[in-house]
Protein backbone atom coordinates (compact mmCIF):
# COMPACT_ATOMS: atom_id res chain seq x y z
CA MET A 1 50.50 59.50 79.76
CA SER A 2 48.20 57.78 77.29
CA LEU A 3 46.02 54.73 77.38
CA GLN A 4 47.73 51.60 76.18
CA GLU A 5 46.25 49.82 73.18
CA PRO A 6 45.71 46.28 74.51
CA ILE A 7 46.35 43.09 72.59
CA ILE A 8 43.28 40.90 72.17
CA VAL A 9 44.26 37.38 73.22
CA VAL A 10 41.87 34.82 71.73
CA PHE A 11 41.58 31.65 73.82
CA ALA A 12 40.80 28.47 71.86
CA GLY A 13 40.96 24.73 72.46
CA GLY A 14 40.66 23.84 76.12
CA THR A 15 40.16 20.50 77.81
CA SER A 16 36.44 19.78 77.27
CA PRO A 17 34.89 17.35 74.75
CA GLU A 18 34.14 20.46 72.66
CA ARG A 19 37.83 21.26 72.10
CA ASP A 20 37.72 20.79 68.32
CA VAL A 21 34.70 23.08 68.00
CA SER A 22 36.54 25.71 70.04
CA LEU A 23 39.63 25.53 67.86
CA GLY A 24 37.51 26.38 64.83
CA SER A 25 35.78 29.23 66.64
CA GLY A 26 39.05 30.66 67.89
CA ALA A 27 40.73 30.65 64.47
CA ALA A 28 37.77 32.41 62.87
CA CYS A 29 37.50 35.06 65.60
CA ALA A 30 41.22 35.77 65.72
CA LYS A 31 41.27 36.36 61.98
CA ALA A 32 38.30 38.71 62.18
CA LEU A 33 39.55 40.60 65.26
CA ALA A 34 42.94 41.14 63.63
CA GLN A 35 41.22 43.39 61.09
CA ASN A 36 40.63 45.95 63.84
CA PHE A 37 42.88 45.19 66.82
CA PRO A 38 46.32 43.82 67.69
CA THR A 39 45.39 40.16 68.13
CA ARG A 40 47.06 36.91 69.22
CA LEU A 41 45.55 33.42 69.05
CA CYS A 42 46.39 31.35 72.13
CA GLN A 43 45.71 27.61 72.25
CA ILE A 44 44.73 26.49 75.75
CA GLU A 45 46.02 23.02 76.69
CA ASP A 46 45.11 22.76 80.38
CA ASP A 47 42.93 24.38 83.03
CA SER A 48 45.21 27.33 83.67
CA LEU A 49 46.05 30.76 82.33
CA PRO A 50 48.92 31.31 79.87
CA LEU A 51 52.00 32.28 81.86
CA ASP A 52 52.61 35.46 79.85
CA LEU A 53 49.08 36.86 80.21
CA ASP A 54 49.39 40.45 81.47
CA PRO A 55 46.38 42.44 82.77
CA LEU A 56 48.16 45.69 81.79
CA LYS A 57 48.57 44.62 78.17
CA HIS A 58 45.93 42.03 77.31
CA VAL A 59 42.17 41.67 76.96
CA VAL A 60 40.91 38.10 76.56
CA PHE A 61 38.34 37.01 74.01
CA SER A 62 37.55 33.41 74.89
CA THR A 63 36.06 30.88 72.51
CA LEU A 64 36.48 27.99 74.96
CA HIS A 65 33.37 25.82 75.03
CA GLY A 66 32.13 23.44 77.70
CA THR A 67 33.78 22.43 80.96
CA PHE A 68 36.21 24.95 82.47
CA GLY A 69 35.94 27.24 79.46
CA GLU A 70 32.31 28.17 79.78
CA ASP A 71 31.34 27.13 83.30
CA GLY A 72 33.00 29.94 85.23
CA GLY A 73 36.29 28.13 85.88
CA MET A 74 38.40 30.09 83.40
CA GLN A 75 36.50 33.28 84.25
CA ARG A 76 37.41 32.90 87.93
CA LEU A 77 41.10 32.59 87.01
CA LEU A 78 40.89 35.70 84.83
CA ASP A 79 39.14 37.64 87.61
CA ALA A 80 41.77 36.59 90.15
CA ALA A 81 44.53 37.70 87.78
CA GLY A 82 42.84 41.05 87.13
CA VAL A 83 42.52 40.36 83.40
CA ASN A 84 39.61 41.92 81.52
CA TYR A 85 37.69 39.59 79.23
CA ALA A 86 34.72 39.64 76.90
CA GLY A 87 31.50 37.89 77.77
CA CYS A 88 29.72 36.77 80.90
CA ASP A 89 31.40 36.91 84.30
CA ALA A 90 32.20 33.87 86.43
CA LEU A 91 28.90 33.84 88.33
CA SER A 92 26.59 34.00 85.32
CA SER A 93 28.82 31.60 83.38
CA ALA A 94 28.49 29.01 86.14
CA LEU A 95 24.74 29.53 86.41
CA THR A 96 24.02 29.23 82.68
CA MET A 97 26.19 26.13 82.34
CA ASP A 98 23.67 24.43 84.62
CA LYS A 99 20.55 23.98 82.48
CA THR A 100 18.29 23.44 85.49
CA LEU A 101 19.42 26.60 87.31
CA THR A 102 19.14 28.56 84.07
CA LYS A 103 15.56 27.47 83.54
CA HIS A 104 14.52 28.19 87.10
CA ALA A 105 16.02 31.69 86.91
CA ALA A 106 14.27 32.40 83.61
CA ALA A 107 10.98 30.94 84.84
CA ALA A 108 11.04 33.46 87.69
CA ARG A 109 10.88 36.16 84.97
CA GLY A 110 7.90 34.51 83.29
CA VAL A 111 9.71 32.45 80.64
CA LYS A 112 8.11 29.06 80.07
CA ILE A 113 10.21 25.92 80.71
CA ALA A 114 9.63 22.19 80.28
CA SER A 115 9.10 20.01 83.34
CA GLY A 116 12.17 17.98 84.25
CA ILE A 117 14.15 16.07 86.85
CA ALA A 118 17.81 16.86 87.48
CA PHE A 119 19.97 14.13 88.98
CA ALA A 120 23.51 12.99 89.63
CA SER A 121 24.71 9.89 87.78
CA THR A 122 25.29 8.26 91.17
CA ASN A 123 21.62 8.66 92.15
CA PRO A 124 19.33 8.33 89.10
CA PRO A 125 15.57 8.55 89.58
CA ALA A 126 13.46 5.44 89.23
CA ILE A 127 11.92 4.82 85.83
CA ASP A 128 8.44 4.68 87.39
CA GLN A 129 8.98 8.11 88.95
CA ILE A 130 10.14 9.64 85.65
CA VAL A 131 7.21 8.25 83.68
CA ALA A 132 4.69 9.24 86.37
CA GLU A 133 5.96 12.83 86.48
CA LEU A 134 6.95 13.45 82.87
CA GLY A 135 5.43 10.78 80.62
CA GLU A 136 7.34 8.66 78.11
CA ASN A 137 8.21 11.31 75.48
CA LEU A 138 11.45 12.55 77.01
CA VAL A 139 14.84 14.13 76.46
CA LEU A 140 17.84 12.87 78.46
CA LYS A 141 20.98 15.02 78.34
CA PRO A 142 23.88 16.20 80.51
CA ASN A 143 22.85 19.07 82.73
CA ASP A 144 26.11 20.94 82.17
CA GLN A 145 27.51 20.15 78.72
CA GLY A 146 26.97 21.69 75.30
CA SER A 147 26.98 20.78 71.61
CA SER A 148 24.35 18.09 72.27
CA VAL A 149 26.95 15.76 73.79
CA GLY A 150 25.15 12.75 75.29
CA LEU A 151 21.69 13.70 73.97
CA HIS A 152 19.01 10.96 73.99
CA LEU A 153 15.49 11.34 72.61
CA ILE A 154 13.12 8.84 74.20
CA SER A 155 9.62 7.75 73.18
CA THR A 156 8.91 4.66 75.30
CA ARG A 157 9.58 3.22 78.74
CA ASP A 158 11.87 0.59 77.17
CA GLU A 159 13.95 3.30 75.47
CA LEU A 160 14.21 5.10 78.81
CA ALA A 161 15.37 1.89 80.48
CA ARG A 162 18.14 1.56 77.87
CA ALA A 163 19.18 5.21 77.93
CA LEU A 164 19.28 5.85 81.67
CA PRO A 165 22.27 3.53 82.37
CA THR A 166 24.36 5.53 79.84
CA ALA A 167 24.30 8.49 82.28
CA THR A 168 27.37 7.15 84.02
CA THR A 169 29.19 10.30 85.13
CA GLY A 170 28.31 13.86 86.08
CA ASN A 171 24.96 15.60 86.35
CA TRP A 172 22.02 14.88 84.08
CA LEU A 173 18.59 16.18 83.18
CA VAL A 174 15.57 14.26 81.98
CA GLU A 175 12.67 16.42 80.86
CA ARG A 176 9.41 16.31 78.99
CA ARG A 177 10.04 16.40 75.28
CA ILE A 178 8.43 19.37 73.51
CA ALA A 179 7.71 18.86 69.82
CA GLY A 180 8.14 22.04 67.83
CA ARG A 181 10.38 24.43 65.93
CA GLU A 182 13.91 25.03 67.23
CA LEU A 183 14.86 28.71 67.43
CA SER A 184 18.07 30.49 68.39
CA VAL A 185 18.54 34.17 69.24
CA GLY A 186 21.72 36.15 69.72
CA VAL A 187 21.63 38.74 72.49
CA LEU A 188 24.10 41.62 72.30
CA GLY A 189 24.31 44.11 75.16
CA GLY A 190 20.97 42.90 76.49
CA ARG A 191 19.14 43.37 73.17
CA ALA A 192 17.97 40.46 71.04
CA MET A 193 19.13 40.26 67.44
CA GLY A 194 17.60 38.15 64.67
CA ILE A 195 15.91 34.79 65.21
CA VAL A 196 17.34 31.72 63.47
CA GLU A 197 15.20 28.63 62.86
CA ILE A 198 17.03 25.29 62.86
CA ARG A 199 15.63 22.41 60.81
CA PRO A 200 17.74 19.23 61.04
CA LYS A 201 16.96 16.86 58.19
CA SER A 202 17.06 13.92 60.61
CA GLY A 203 14.55 15.65 62.88
CA VAL A 204 17.11 15.70 65.71
CA TYR A 205 19.59 18.54 66.21
CA ASP A 206 22.34 16.37 67.70
CA TYR A 207 26.12 16.64 67.45
CA THR A 208 26.17 15.06 63.98
CA SER A 209 23.46 17.37 62.65
CA LYS A 210 25.24 20.41 64.09
CA TYR A 211 28.67 19.74 62.70
CA THR A 212 28.12 17.78 59.47
CA LYS A 213 27.66 20.00 56.44
CA GLY A 214 24.32 19.64 54.69
CA LEU A 215 22.46 17.81 57.46
CA THR A 216 20.64 20.88 58.80
CA GLU A 217 18.81 23.79 57.17
CA TYR A 218 18.92 27.24 58.77
CA PHE A 219 16.45 30.06 58.17
CA ALA A 220 17.70 33.51 59.16
CA PRO A 221 15.53 35.33 59.88
CA ALA A 222 13.10 32.64 60.98
CA PRO A 223 9.73 32.76 59.17
CA LEU A 224 7.67 34.12 62.07
CA ASP A 225 5.06 36.86 62.17
CA ASP A 226 5.84 40.13 63.93
CA VAL A 227 3.96 39.26 67.11
CA ARG A 228 5.74 35.91 67.52
CA THR A 229 9.10 37.47 66.63
CA GLN A 230 8.71 40.05 69.37
CA GLU A 231 7.64 37.36 71.84
CA VAL A 232 10.76 35.29 71.17
CA GLN A 233 13.06 38.31 71.35
CA ARG A 234 11.53 39.52 74.62
CA ALA A 235 11.87 36.03 76.11
CA ALA A 236 15.54 35.95 75.04
CA GLU A 237 16.19 39.31 76.68
CA ALA A 238 14.35 38.27 79.85
CA SER A 239 16.34 35.04 80.09
CA PHE A 240 19.63 36.89 79.52
CA ALA A 241 18.79 39.39 82.27
CA ALA A 242 17.47 36.74 84.67
CA CYS A 243 20.79 34.91 84.60
CA GLY A 244 22.88 38.04 85.06
CA CYS A 245 24.51 37.69 81.63
CA ARG A 246 26.97 40.30 80.38
CA ASP A 247 27.98 41.49 76.90
CA TYR A 248 26.52 38.68 74.77
CA ALA A 249 25.04 35.19 74.69
CA ARG A 250 22.91 32.91 72.53
CA VAL A 251 19.50 31.84 73.81
CA ASP A 252 17.78 28.73 72.42
CA PHE A 253 14.07 27.91 72.43
CA ILE A 254 11.59 25.41 71.10
CA LEU A 255 8.26 26.69 69.81
CA SER A 256 5.29 24.35 70.11
CA GLU A 257 2.27 25.26 68.02
CA ARG A 258 0.03 23.94 70.79
CA ASP A 259 1.85 24.89 73.97
CA GLY A 260 3.90 27.96 73.04
CA LEU A 261 7.52 28.95 73.56
CA PHE A 262 9.90 27.07 75.89
CA LEU A 263 13.47 27.96 76.88
CA LEU A 264 16.04 25.27 76.11
CA GLU A 265 19.30 26.84 77.29
CA ILE A 266 21.58 29.86 77.29
CA ASN A 267 25.00 29.50 75.70
CA THR A 268 27.40 32.17 76.96
CA LEU A 269 30.32 31.19 74.69
CA PRO A 270 28.57 29.82 71.61
CA GLY A 271 30.17 28.52 68.44
CA MET A 272 31.80 31.38 66.59
CA LYS A 273 32.61 30.34 63.06
CA GLU A 274 31.10 32.57 60.38
CA THR A 275 28.44 29.91 59.78
CA SER A 276 27.54 29.51 63.48
CA LEU A 277 24.18 30.46 64.96
CA LEU A 278 25.21 33.67 66.75
CA PRO A 279 26.76 35.15 63.58
CA MET A 280 23.63 34.13 61.65
CA SER A 281 21.51 35.99 64.19
CA ALA A 282 23.78 39.03 63.94
CA ARG A 283 23.57 39.13 60.15
CA CYS A 284 19.81 39.48 60.51
CA ALA A 285 20.57 42.66 62.49
CA GLY A 286 22.98 43.97 59.85
CA LEU A 287 26.27 42.88 61.45
CA ASP A 288 28.71 40.88 59.35
CA PHE A 289 31.19 38.59 61.11
CA SER A 290 33.94 41.18 61.47
CA ALA A 291 31.52 43.80 62.80
CA LEU A 292 30.04 41.26 65.21
CA VAL A 293 33.32 40.25 66.85
CA ARG A 294 34.25 43.93 67.13
CA GLU A 295 30.98 44.55 68.99
CA LEU A 296 31.52 41.49 71.20
CA VAL A 297 34.92 42.65 72.45
CA THR A 298 34.09 46.37 72.76
CA PRO A 299 32.64 46.22 76.33
CA ALA A 300 35.75 44.41 77.57
CA LEU A 301 37.93 47.10 76.02
CA GLY A 302 35.80 49.66 77.86
CA ARG A 303 36.42 47.84 81.15
CA PHE A 304 40.16 47.72 80.40
CA ARG A 305 40.25 51.48 79.82
CA ALA A 306 38.07 52.19 82.85
CA ALA A 307 40.61 50.32 84.99
CA GLY A 308 43.10 53.02 83.99
CA HIS A 309 45.82 50.86 82.45
CA LEU A 310 48.39 53.38 81.24
CA LEU A 311 51.62 53.38 79.34
CA ASN A 312 54.66 54.33 81.33
CA ALA A 313 55.35 58.01 80.97
């Protein structure tokens, strides 16, 4: 008997507002993975597994972003079906999708976080309470969405009064706004790769700046001295470990010249086009896109083999 060579099934699409981003990530990853493995691109249309997914034949590489793809929902289905998959497990996926829980877990490991108030849309805090606790320079954003969907930058009480009613559904986070340099770090197997600095020309790294060509400059590696570089990388590794992450993730920070380094979020299934932040970080560590996706799926292949899936004699 010999070990079966599994097919890598790349999940793309999904049902979240980030579906289009996922479709691009999935196409790029499937093309790269096909250079080294039997690969099939699978477009996900609803919150369920493909009917022909077989734990004895398939390993999943998901590029689903946002709700149900990245929040532990799809991971729970894969676990229940006995299917091996690349990336974080259901528990750490659910934790990191919640920005508040992520920050509290990282803070317990000594990573600095901004002060904030998490709330449900059905029970928003009073404006006076927000200003008293956090001031007027604020960020309002969904607590469990990505790609800067619903992001509001606020500088005055009047702007807060206009922004708060837009938080109509779901869970939200309002936090003290930290002025500084935006940094992103890929973590592979618990070890931080290169640091990318993000400089949006508008000054705001929102959905438009992320996905419109030419609106943002990226510096990879970020122009940081050795001491600061090591600080950011250690904070990325500590955050990854604190949240129980597995295989890989992208960790985002903001660096204030006055107040230091603050964790923004952990993205367990980040954008994965060749021009995305995680691949930029990997190139700083000497991994081109094809080599990166091979490294990302390798631990899942190890778990598949460890499970003893065998060809029929």
